[in-house]
Amino acid sequence: MPQSFTYSRLVQFAETDLAGIAHFANFFRWMEEAEHAYFRSVGLSVRTEYQEMEIGWPRVSTSCEFFVPAHFEDQLQIAVRITKMGEKSITWEIEFSRDGARLALGKATTVCCIWSNEGLKPIPIPAEIRLKLYPA
């Protein structure tokens, strides 16, 4: 499995309640933000043109377990790892930490799909994309 990719971000005031604690729903937004950064780090996008097809990665499952709250102006480290790559899907693990302390652990499964006038259609992950995302 490839090394994890780490994305850093600062918790913004608008992402917190009046006590300065980050709202739980933001963790799901940050999971997606970090996943997008991972794609960019390997020269891809979550919406990629490939052989005249528009490829995207909709989620079919997400979860997040919370251990310690994140607060206003915390510098978060968000580690993204692929834990499983199937024929058409990727399972991600996303770990949130601050100064080495684990705050939360998210999981998501996405499916490689083409976008067309008929909607989304799952396809096998193209070999070139698979190698960029999961070179092991």
C-alpha atoms as a PDB file:
ATOM      1  CA  MET A   1       0.000   0.000   0.000  1.00  0.00           C
ATOM      2  CA  PRO A   2       1.339   3.478  -0.786  1.00  0.00           C
ATOM      3  CA  GLN A   3       2.364   5.814   1.982  1.00  0.00           C
ATOM      4  CA  SER A   4      -0.397   8.004   3.295  1.00  0.00           C
ATOM      5  CA  PHE A   5      -0.862  11.451   1.839  1.00  0.00           C
ATOM      6  CA  THR A   6      -1.165  14.241   4.410  1.00  0.00           C
ATOM      7  CA  TYR A   7      -3.192  17.381   3.875  1.00  0.00           C
ATOM      8  CA  SER A   8      -3.143  20.261   6.363  1.00  0.00           C
ATOM      9  CA  ARG A   9      -5.828  22.833   7.014  1.00  0.00           C
ATOM     10  CA  LEU A  10      -6.785  25.383   9.646  1.00  0.00           C
ATOM     11  CA  VAL A  11     -10.210  25.162  11.304  1.00  0.00           C
ATOM     12  CA  GLN A  12     -12.109  28.313  10.361  1.00  0.00           C
ATOM     13  CA  PHE A  13     -14.444  30.229  12.729  1.00  0.00           C
ATOM     14  CA  ALA A  14     -17.443  29.595  10.446  1.00  0.00           C
ATOM     15  CA  GLU A  15     -16.874  25.831  10.909  1.00  0.00           C
ATOM     16  CA  THR A  16     -17.397  26.022  14.684  1.00  0.00           C
ATOM     17  CA  ASP A  17     -20.147  26.675  17.197  1.00  0.00           C
ATOM     18  CA  LEU A  18     -20.049  29.586  19.665  1.00  0.00           C
ATOM     19  CA  ALA A  19     -17.740  27.577  21.939  1.00  0.00           C
ATOM     20  CA  GLY A  20     -15.234  27.289  19.076  1.00  0.00           C
ATOM     21  CA  ILE A  21     -15.760  23.531  18.604  1.00  0.00           C
ATOM     22  CA  ALA A  22     -15.885  22.275  15.016  1.00  0.00           C
ATOM     23  CA  HIS A  23     -19.270  20.918  13.973  1.00  0.00           C
ATOM     24  CA  PHE A  24     -19.162  17.188  13.203  1.00  0.00           C
ATOM     25  CA  ALA A  25     -20.510  17.620   9.655  1.00  0.00           C
ATOM     26  CA  ASN A  26     -17.367  19.531   8.695  1.00  0.00           C
ATOM     27  CA  PHE A  27     -15.293  16.379   9.100  1.00  0.00           C
ATOM     28  CA  PHE A  28     -17.122  14.918   6.095  1.00  0.00           C
ATOM     29  CA  ARG A  29     -16.373  18.079   4.066  1.00  0.00           C
ATOM     30  CA  TRP A  30     -12.728  17.887   5.132  1.00  0.00           C
ATOM     31  CA  MET A  31     -12.581  14.212   4.147  1.00  0.00           C
ATOM     32  CA  GLU A  32     -13.664  15.169   0.648  1.00  0.00           C
ATOM     33  CA  GLU A  33     -11.287  18.148   0.568  1.00  0.00           C
ATOM     34  CA  ALA A  34      -8.358  15.885   1.492  1.00  0.00           C
ATOM     35  CA  GLU A  35      -9.401  13.260  -1.069  1.00  0.00           C
ATOM     36  CA  HIS A  36      -9.448  15.951  -3.780  1.00  0.00           C
ATOM     37  CA  ALA A  37      -5.976  17.087  -2.682  1.00  0.00           C
ATOM     38  CA  TYR A  38      -4.752  13.468  -2.931  1.00  0.00           C
ATOM     39  CA  PHE A  39      -6.042  13.217  -6.514  1.00  0.00           C
ATOM     40  CA  ARG A  40      -4.328  16.520  -7.414  1.00  0.00           C
ATOM     41  CA  SER A  41      -1.067  15.328  -5.806  1.00  0.00           C
ATOM     42  CA  VAL A  42      -0.884  12.467  -8.344  1.00  0.00           C
ATOM     43  CA  GLY A  43      -1.868  14.623 -11.316  1.00  0.00           C
ATOM     44  CA  LEU A  44      -5.560  13.722 -11.399  1.00  0.00           C
ATOM     45  CA  SER A  45      -8.880  15.263 -10.452  1.00  0.00           C
ATOM     46  CA  VAL A  46     -12.014  13.718  -8.987  1.00  0.00           C
ATOM     47  CA  ARG A  47     -13.631  14.795 -12.230  1.00  0.00           C
ATOM     48  CA  THR A  48     -11.267  13.638 -14.971  1.00  0.00           C
ATOM     49  CA  GLU A  49     -11.494  13.551 -18.751  1.00  0.00           C
ATOM     50  CA  TYR A  50     -10.236  10.123 -19.864  1.00  0.00           C
ATOM     51  CA  GLN A  51     -10.456   8.761 -23.424  1.00  0.00           C
ATOM     52  CA  GLU A  52     -13.356  11.096 -24.214  1.00  0.00           C
ATOM     53  CA  MET A  53     -15.207  10.027 -21.053  1.00  0.00           C
ATOM     54  CA  GLU A  54     -15.925  12.159 -17.993  1.00  0.00           C
ATOM     55  CA  ILE A  55     -14.931  10.085 -14.939  1.00  0.00           C
ATOM     56  CA  GLY A  56     -16.072  10.834 -11.401  1.00  0.00           C
ATOM     57  CA  TRP A  57     -15.972   9.136  -8.004  1.00  0.00           C
ATOM     58  CA  PRO A  58     -19.320   9.315  -6.174  1.00  0.00           C
ATOM     59  CA  ARG A  59     -19.458   8.000  -2.625  1.00  0.00           C
ATOM     60  CA  VAL A  60     -21.422   4.874  -1.815  1.00  0.00           C
ATOM     61  CA  SER A  61     -20.486   4.756   1.879  1.00  0.00           C
ATOM     62  CA  THR A  62     -19.056   7.139   4.483  1.00  0.00           C
ATOM     63  CA  SER A  63     -18.531   7.053   8.235  1.00  0.00           C
ATOM     64  CA  CYS A  64     -16.573   8.940  10.836  1.00  0.00           C
ATOM     65  CA  GLU A  65     -15.701   8.048  14.415  1.00  0.00           C
ATOM     66  CA  PHE A  66     -14.876  10.977  16.716  1.00  0.00           C
ATOM     67  CA  PHE A  67     -12.421  10.880  19.619  1.00  0.00           C
ATOM     68  CA  VAL A  68     -11.450  14.484  20.494  1.00  0.00           C
ATOM     69  CA  PRO A  69     -13.027  17.747  19.297  1.00  0.00           C
ATOM     70  CA  ALA A  70     -11.339  20.080  16.836  1.00  0.00           C
ATOM     71  CA  HIS A  71     -11.374  23.772  17.736  1.00  0.00           C
ATOM     72  CA  PHE A  72     -11.192  27.149  16.022  1.00  0.00           C
ATOM     73  CA  GLU A  73      -7.703  27.753  14.584  1.00  0.00           C
ATOM     74  CA  ASP A  74      -6.522  24.183  15.178  1.00  0.00           C
ATOM     75  CA  GLN A  75      -4.064  23.128  12.496  1.00  0.00           C
ATOM     76  CA  LEU A  76      -5.345  19.744  11.370  1.00  0.00           C
ATOM     77  CA  GLN A  77      -3.306  17.071   9.666  1.00  0.00           C
ATOM     78  CA  ILE A  78      -5.535  14.863   7.548  1.00  0.00           C
ATOM     79  CA  ALA A  79      -3.894  11.607   6.455  1.00  0.00           C
ATOM     80  CA  VAL A  80      -5.494   9.920   3.447  1.00  0.00           C
ATOM     81  CA  ARG A  81      -4.817   6.238   2.722  1.00  0.00           C
ATOM     82  CA  ILE A  82      -6.277   3.809   0.247  1.00  0.00           C
ATOM     83  CA  THR A  83      -7.071   0.677   2.226  1.00  0.00           C
ATOM     84  CA  LYS A  84      -8.616  -1.274  -0.646  1.00  0.00           C
ATOM     85  CA  MET A  85      -8.820  -0.882  -4.388  1.00  0.00           C
ATOM     86  CA  GLY A  86     -11.337  -3.120  -6.101  1.00  0.00           C
ATOM     87  CA  GLU A  87     -12.122  -3.451  -9.788  1.00  0.00           C
ATOM     88  CA  LYS A  88     -14.432  -0.397  -9.709  1.00  0.00           C
ATOM     89  CA  SER A  89     -14.137   1.025  -6.181  1.00  0.00           C
ATOM     90  CA  ILE A  90     -11.706   2.566  -3.730  1.00  0.00           C
ATOM     91  CA  THR A  91     -11.997   2.393   0.049  1.00  0.00           C
ATOM     92  CA  TRP A  92     -10.309   5.289   1.834  1.00  0.00           C
ATOM     93  CA  GLU A  93      -9.279   5.803   5.433  1.00  0.00           C
ATOM     94  CA  ILE A  94      -8.955   9.411   6.542  1.00  0.00           C
ATOM     95  CA  GLU A  95      -7.322  10.136   9.907  1.00  0.00           C
ATOM     96  CA  PHE A  96      -7.606  13.561  11.532  1.00  0.00           C
ATOM     97  CA  SER A  97      -4.948  14.623  14.006  1.00  0.00           C
ATOM     98  CA  ARG A  98      -3.644  17.700  15.770  1.00  0.00           C
ATOM     99  CA  ASP A  99      -0.088  17.764  17.138  1.00  0.00           C
ATOM    100  CA  GLY A 100       0.045  13.969  16.937  1.00  0.00           C
ATOM    101  CA  ALA A 101      -3.254  13.415  18.811  1.00  0.00           C
ATOM    102  CA  ARG A 102      -5.928  11.503  16.877  1.00  0.00           C
ATOM    103  CA  LEU A 103      -9.178  13.468  16.646  1.00  0.00           C
ATOM    104  CA  ALA A 104     -11.267  11.333  14.299  1.00  0.00           C
ATOM    105  CA  LEU A 105     -11.125   8.457  11.848  1.00  0.00           C
ATOM    106  CA  GLY A 106     -13.207   8.575   8.683  1.00  0.00           C
ATOM    107  CA  LYS A 107     -13.852   5.953   6.042  1.00  0.00           C
ATOM    108  CA  ALA A 108     -15.314   6.323   2.587  1.00  0.00           C
ATOM    109  CA  THR A 109     -15.906   4.116  -0.417  1.00  0.00           C
ATOM    110  CA  THR A 110     -16.061   5.682  -3.868  1.00  0.00           C
ATOM    111  CA  VAL A 111     -16.893   4.109  -7.221  1.00  0.00           C
ATOM    112  CA  CYS A 112     -15.309   4.945 -10.571  1.00  0.00           C
ATOM    113  CA  CYS A 113     -18.135   6.114 -12.826  1.00  0.00           C
ATOM    114  CA  ILE A 114     -18.593   7.781 -16.163  1.00  0.00           C
ATOM    115  CA  TRP A 115     -20.919  10.760 -16.402  1.00  0.00           C
ATOM    116  CA  SER A 116     -23.304  10.795 -19.343  1.00  0.00           C
ATOM    117  CA  ASN A 117     -26.740  12.044 -20.314  1.00  0.00           C
ATOM    118  CA  GLU A 118     -28.137   8.807 -18.854  1.00  0.00           C
ATOM    119  CA  GLY A 119     -26.515   9.529 -15.457  1.00  0.00           C
ATOM    120  CA  LEU A 120     -23.722   7.654 -13.684  1.00  0.00           C
ATOM    121  CA  LYS A 121     -22.447   4.273 -14.841  1.00  0.00           C
ATOM    122  CA  PRO A 122     -19.829   2.304 -12.835  1.00  0.00           C
ATOM    123  CA  ILE A 123     -16.791   1.231 -14.856  1.00  0.00           C
ATOM    124  CA  PRO A 124     -13.552  -0.618 -14.055  1.00  0.00           C
ATOM    125  CA  ILE A 125     -10.867   1.785 -12.860  1.00  0.00           C
ATOM    126  CA  PRO A 126      -8.670   2.454 -15.920  1.00  0.00           C
ATOM    127  CA  ALA A 127      -5.156   1.000 -15.541  1.00  0.00           C
ATOM    128  CA  GLU A 128      -3.420   4.383 -15.975  1.00  0.00           C
ATOM    129  CA  ILE A 129      -5.551   5.966 -13.252  1.00  0.00           C
ATOM    130  CA  ARG A 130      -5.167   2.928 -10.982  1.00  0.00           C
ATOM    131  CA  LEU A 131      -1.354   3.168 -11.219  1.00  0.00           C
ATOM    132  CA  LYS A 132      -1.351   6.870 -10.346  1.00  0.00           C
ATOM    133  CA  LEU A 133      -3.651   6.423  -7.350  1.00  0.00           C
ATOM    134  CA  TYR A 134      -2.262   3.129  -6.058  1.00  0.00           C
ATOM    135  CA  PRO A 135       1.212   2.462  -7.432  1.00  0.00           C
ATOM    136  CA  ALA A 136       1.924  -0.526  -5.135  1.00  0.00           C
END
